[in-house]
C-alpha atoms as a PDB file:
ATOM      1  CA  UNK A   1      -5.609  15.495  50.738  1.00  0.00           C
ATOM      2  CA  UNK A   2      -8.102  12.844  49.641  1.00  0.00           C
ATOM      3  CA  UNK A   3      -6.566   9.529  48.411  1.00  0.00           C
ATOM      4  CA  UNK A   4      -8.235   9.659  44.999  1.00  0.00           C
ATOM      5  CA  UNK A   5      -6.767  13.107  44.376  1.00  0.00           C
ATOM      6  CA  UNK A   6      -3.245  11.746  45.021  1.00  0.00           C
ATOM      7  CA  UNK A   7      -3.835   9.132  42.314  1.00  0.00           C
ATOM      8  CA  UNK A   8      -5.516  11.564  39.905  1.00  0.00           C
ATOM      9  CA  UNK A   9      -2.819  14.265  39.951  1.00  0.00           C
ATOM     10  CA  UNK A  10      -0.081  12.206  38.159  1.00  0.00           C
ATOM     11  CA  UNK A  11      -2.586  11.047  35.544  1.00  0.00           C
ATOM     12  CA  UNK A  12      -3.779  14.613  35.001  1.00  0.00           C
ATOM     13  CA  UNK A  13      -0.198  15.864  34.638  1.00  0.00           C
ATOM     14  CA  UNK A  14       0.526  13.128  32.093  1.00  0.00           C
ATOM     15  CA  UNK A  15      -2.522  14.156  30.049  1.00  0.00           C
ATOM     16  CA  UNK A  16      -1.467  17.798  30.099  1.00  0.00           C
ATOM     17  CA  UNK A  17       2.057  16.884  28.959  1.00  0.00           C
ATOM     18  CA  UNK A  18       0.693  14.677  26.185  1.00  0.00           C
ATOM     19  CA  UNK A  19      -1.579  17.473  25.018  1.00  0.00           C
ATOM     20  CA  UNK A  20       1.402  19.793  24.663  1.00  0.00           C
ATOM     21  CA  UNK A  21       3.408  17.314  22.608  1.00  0.00           C
ATOM     22  CA  UNK A  22       2.862  17.759  18.902  1.00  0.00           C
ATOM     23  CA  UNK A  23       2.536  14.529  16.999  1.00  0.00           C
ATOM     24  CA  UNK A  24       3.387  14.474  13.348  1.00  0.00           C
ATOM     25  CA  UNK A  25       1.872  11.881  11.103  1.00  0.00           C
ATOM     26  CA  UNK A  26       3.896  10.720   8.145  1.00  0.00           C
ATOM     27  CA  UNK A  27       2.512   8.745   5.238  1.00  0.00           C
ATOM     28  CA  UNK A  28       4.827   5.750   5.061  1.00  0.00           C
ATOM     29  CA  UNK A  29       2.788   3.836   2.506  1.00  0.00           C
ATOM     30  CA  UNK A  30       0.057   4.637   0.026  1.00  0.00           C
ATOM     31  CA  UNK A  31      -2.063   2.162  -1.910  1.00  0.00           C
ATOM     32  CA  UNK A  32      -4.233   2.044  -5.009  1.00  0.00           C
ATOM     33  CA  UNK A  33      -6.897  -0.555  -5.716  1.00  0.00           C
ATOM     34  CA  UNK A  34      -7.205  -0.841  -9.482  1.00  0.00           C
ATOM     35  CA  UNK A  35      -8.793  -3.007 -12.144  1.00  0.00           C
ATOM     36  CA  UNK A  36      -6.175  -5.078 -13.995  1.00  0.00           C
ATOM     37  CA  UNK A  37      -6.780  -3.023 -17.155  1.00  0.00           C
ATOM     38  CA  UNK A  38      -5.623   0.117 -15.325  1.00  0.00           C
ATOM     39  CA  UNK A  39      -2.164  -1.316 -14.598  1.00  0.00           C
ATOM     40  CA  UNK A  40       0.756  -2.176 -16.853  1.00  0.00           C
ATOM     41  CA  UNK A  41       3.032  -4.447 -14.871  1.00  0.00           C
ATOM     42  CA  UNK A  42       6.768  -4.062 -15.428  1.00  0.00           C
ATOM     43  CA  UNK A  43       8.398  -6.394 -17.924  1.00  0.00           C
ATOM     44  CA  UNK A  44      11.258  -7.098 -15.528  1.00  0.00           C
ATOM     45  CA  UNK A  45      12.171  -6.464 -11.911  1.00  0.00           C
ATOM     46  CA  UNK A  46      13.806  -3.076 -11.662  1.00  0.00           C
ATOM     47  CA  UNK A  47      11.468  -1.539 -14.240  1.00  0.00           C
ATOM     48  CA  UNK A  48       8.473   0.725 -13.879  1.00  0.00           C
ATOM     49  CA  UNK A  49       4.806   0.081 -13.310  1.00  0.00           C
ATOM     50  CA  UNK A  50       2.354   2.332 -15.167  1.00  0.00           C
ATOM     51  CA  UNK A  51      -1.130   2.940 -13.821  1.00  0.00           C
ATOM     52  CA  UNK A  52      -4.156   5.077 -14.595  1.00  0.00           C
ATOM     53  CA  UNK A  53      -6.376   5.933 -11.632  1.00  0.00           C
ATOM     54  CA  UNK A  54      -9.287   6.760 -13.955  1.00  0.00           C
ATOM     55  CA  UNK A  55     -10.166   6.553 -17.668  1.00  0.00           C
ATOM     56  CA  UNK A  56      -9.263  10.191 -18.310  1.00  0.00           C
ATOM     57  CA  UNK A  57      -6.305  10.348 -15.927  1.00  0.00           C
ATOM     58  CA  UNK A  58      -2.730  10.639 -17.130  1.00  0.00           C
ATOM     59  CA  UNK A  59      -0.544   7.584 -16.624  1.00  0.00           C
ATOM     60  CA  UNK A  60       1.563   7.526 -13.464  1.00  0.00           C
ATOM     61  CA  UNK A  61       4.881   5.709 -13.290  1.00  0.00           C
ATOM     62  CA  UNK A  62       6.101   4.028 -10.123  1.00  0.00           C
ATOM     63  CA  UNK A  63       9.438   2.266  -9.785  1.00  0.00           C
ATOM     64  CA  UNK A  64       9.821  -1.415  -8.972  1.00  0.00           C
ATOM     65  CA  UNK A  65      13.047  -2.418  -7.242  1.00  0.00           C
ATOM     66  CA  UNK A  66      14.687  -5.587  -5.927  1.00  0.00           C
ATOM     67  CA  UNK A  67      12.708  -5.398  -2.658  1.00  0.00           C
ATOM     68  CA  UNK A  68       9.286  -5.196  -4.349  1.00  0.00           C
ATOM     69  CA  UNK A  69       7.096  -8.157  -3.399  1.00  0.00           C
ATOM     70  CA  UNK A  70       4.578  -9.822  -5.713  1.00  0.00           C
ATOM     71  CA  UNK A  71       1.597 -11.703  -4.258  1.00  0.00           C
ATOM     72  CA  UNK A  72      -1.361 -13.605  -5.695  1.00  0.00           C
ATOM     73  CA  UNK A  73      -3.756 -12.909  -2.808  1.00  0.00           C
ATOM     74  CA  UNK A  74      -3.724 -10.496   0.128  1.00  0.00           C
ATOM     75  CA  UNK A  75      -1.566 -11.983   2.868  1.00  0.00           C
ATOM     76  CA  UNK A  76      -0.221 -14.810   0.711  1.00  0.00           C
ATOM     77  CA  UNK A  77       3.406 -15.672   0.101  1.00  0.00           C
ATOM     78  CA  UNK A  78       5.520 -14.028  -2.540  1.00  0.00           C
ATOM     79  CA  UNK A  79       5.700 -15.182  -6.149  1.00  0.00           C
ATOM     80  CA  UNK A  80       7.932 -14.080  -9.005  1.00  0.00           C
ATOM     81  CA  UNK A  81       7.032 -11.158 -11.241  1.00  0.00           C
ATOM     82  CA  UNK A  82       6.707 -13.633 -14.129  1.00  0.00           C
ATOM     83  CA  UNK A  83       4.076 -15.682 -12.254  1.00  0.00           C
ATOM     84  CA  UNK A  84       2.163 -12.534 -11.303  1.00  0.00           C
ATOM     85  CA  UNK A  85       2.213 -11.248 -14.895  1.00  0.00           C
ATOM     86  CA  UNK A  86       0.999 -14.605 -16.241  1.00  0.00           C
ATOM     87  CA  UNK A  87      -1.866 -14.825 -13.722  1.00  0.00           C
ATOM     88  CA  UNK A  88      -2.860 -11.179 -14.257  1.00  0.00           C
ATOM     89  CA  UNK A  89      -3.085 -11.793 -18.021  1.00  0.00           C
ATOM     90  CA  UNK A  90      -5.249 -14.864 -17.379  1.00  0.00           C
ATOM     91  CA  UNK A  91      -7.784 -13.058 -15.151  1.00  0.00           C
ATOM     92  CA  UNK A  92      -7.732  -9.573 -16.724  1.00  0.00           C
ATOM     93  CA  UNK A  93     -11.381  -9.760 -17.807  1.00  0.00           C
ATOM     94  CA  UNK A  94     -12.689 -11.601 -14.749  1.00  0.00           C
ATOM     95  CA  UNK A  95     -15.175  -9.566 -12.734  1.00  0.00           C
ATOM     96  CA  UNK A  96     -14.234  -8.572  -9.197  1.00  0.00           C
ATOM     97  CA  UNK A  97     -10.505  -8.786  -9.823  1.00  0.00           C
ATOM     98  CA  UNK A  98      -8.284  -6.087  -8.342  1.00  0.00           C
ATOM     99  CA  UNK A  99      -4.637  -5.222  -8.320  1.00  0.00           C
ATOM    100  CA  UNK A 100      -3.411  -3.466  -5.199  1.00  0.00           C
ATOM    101  CA  UNK A 101      -0.289  -1.357  -5.588  1.00  0.00           C
ATOM    102  CA  UNK A 102       1.390  -0.359  -2.314  1.00  0.00           C
ATOM    103  CA  UNK A 103       4.139   2.222  -2.610  1.00  0.00           C
ATOM    104  CA  UNK A 104       6.210   4.775  -0.719  1.00  0.00           C
ATOM    105  CA  UNK A 105       4.637   8.160  -1.580  1.00  0.00           C
ATOM    106  CA  UNK A 106       7.928  10.037  -1.096  1.00  0.00           C
ATOM    107  CA  UNK A 107      10.124   7.920  -3.344  1.00  0.00           C
ATOM    108  CA  UNK A 108       7.537   6.418  -5.702  1.00  0.00           C
ATOM    109  CA  UNK A 109       9.007   2.949  -5.131  1.00  0.00           C
ATOM    110  CA  UNK A 110       6.513   0.091  -5.158  1.00  0.00           C
ATOM    111  CA  UNK A 111       6.730  -2.077  -2.041  1.00  0.00           C
ATOM    112  CA  UNK A 112       4.276  -4.780  -3.122  1.00  0.00           C
ATOM    113  CA  UNK A 113       1.793  -5.639  -5.852  1.00  0.00           C
ATOM    114  CA  UNK A 114      -1.102  -7.919  -4.932  1.00  0.00           C
ATOM    115  CA  UNK A 115      -3.398  -9.540  -7.478  1.00  0.00           C
ATOM    116  CA  UNK A 116      -6.752 -10.369  -5.885  1.00  0.00           C
ATOM    117  CA  UNK A 117      -8.882 -12.570  -8.119  1.00  0.00           C
ATOM    118  CA  UNK A 118     -10.500 -14.441  -5.223  1.00  0.00           C
ATOM    119  CA  UNK A 119     -13.707 -12.416  -4.984  1.00  0.00           C
END
């Protein structure tokens, strides 16, 4: 048997086995990018966040829990909900401002809210 065939056979068998395995993809997080006017931030931690994905869309409620993180910029450190609410109110009419809402699609629990007014 040729030497390259000896090396190719295990690789070929691994590819065949991988092809037979069925991978399942699970959505572990979903995100919305919204204008600040489309989001009503919760009044207190443990409340609900209301959002409208479009002008004619019905409001959706997502839960905020003790593990929800609040950030002022993508990748920045966490701030309190009060600081996020105050800054969101200050920049609500600023162009190119977005609020990103990341949540678990199965439970509807918000994992983090990011205000991006840096654009």
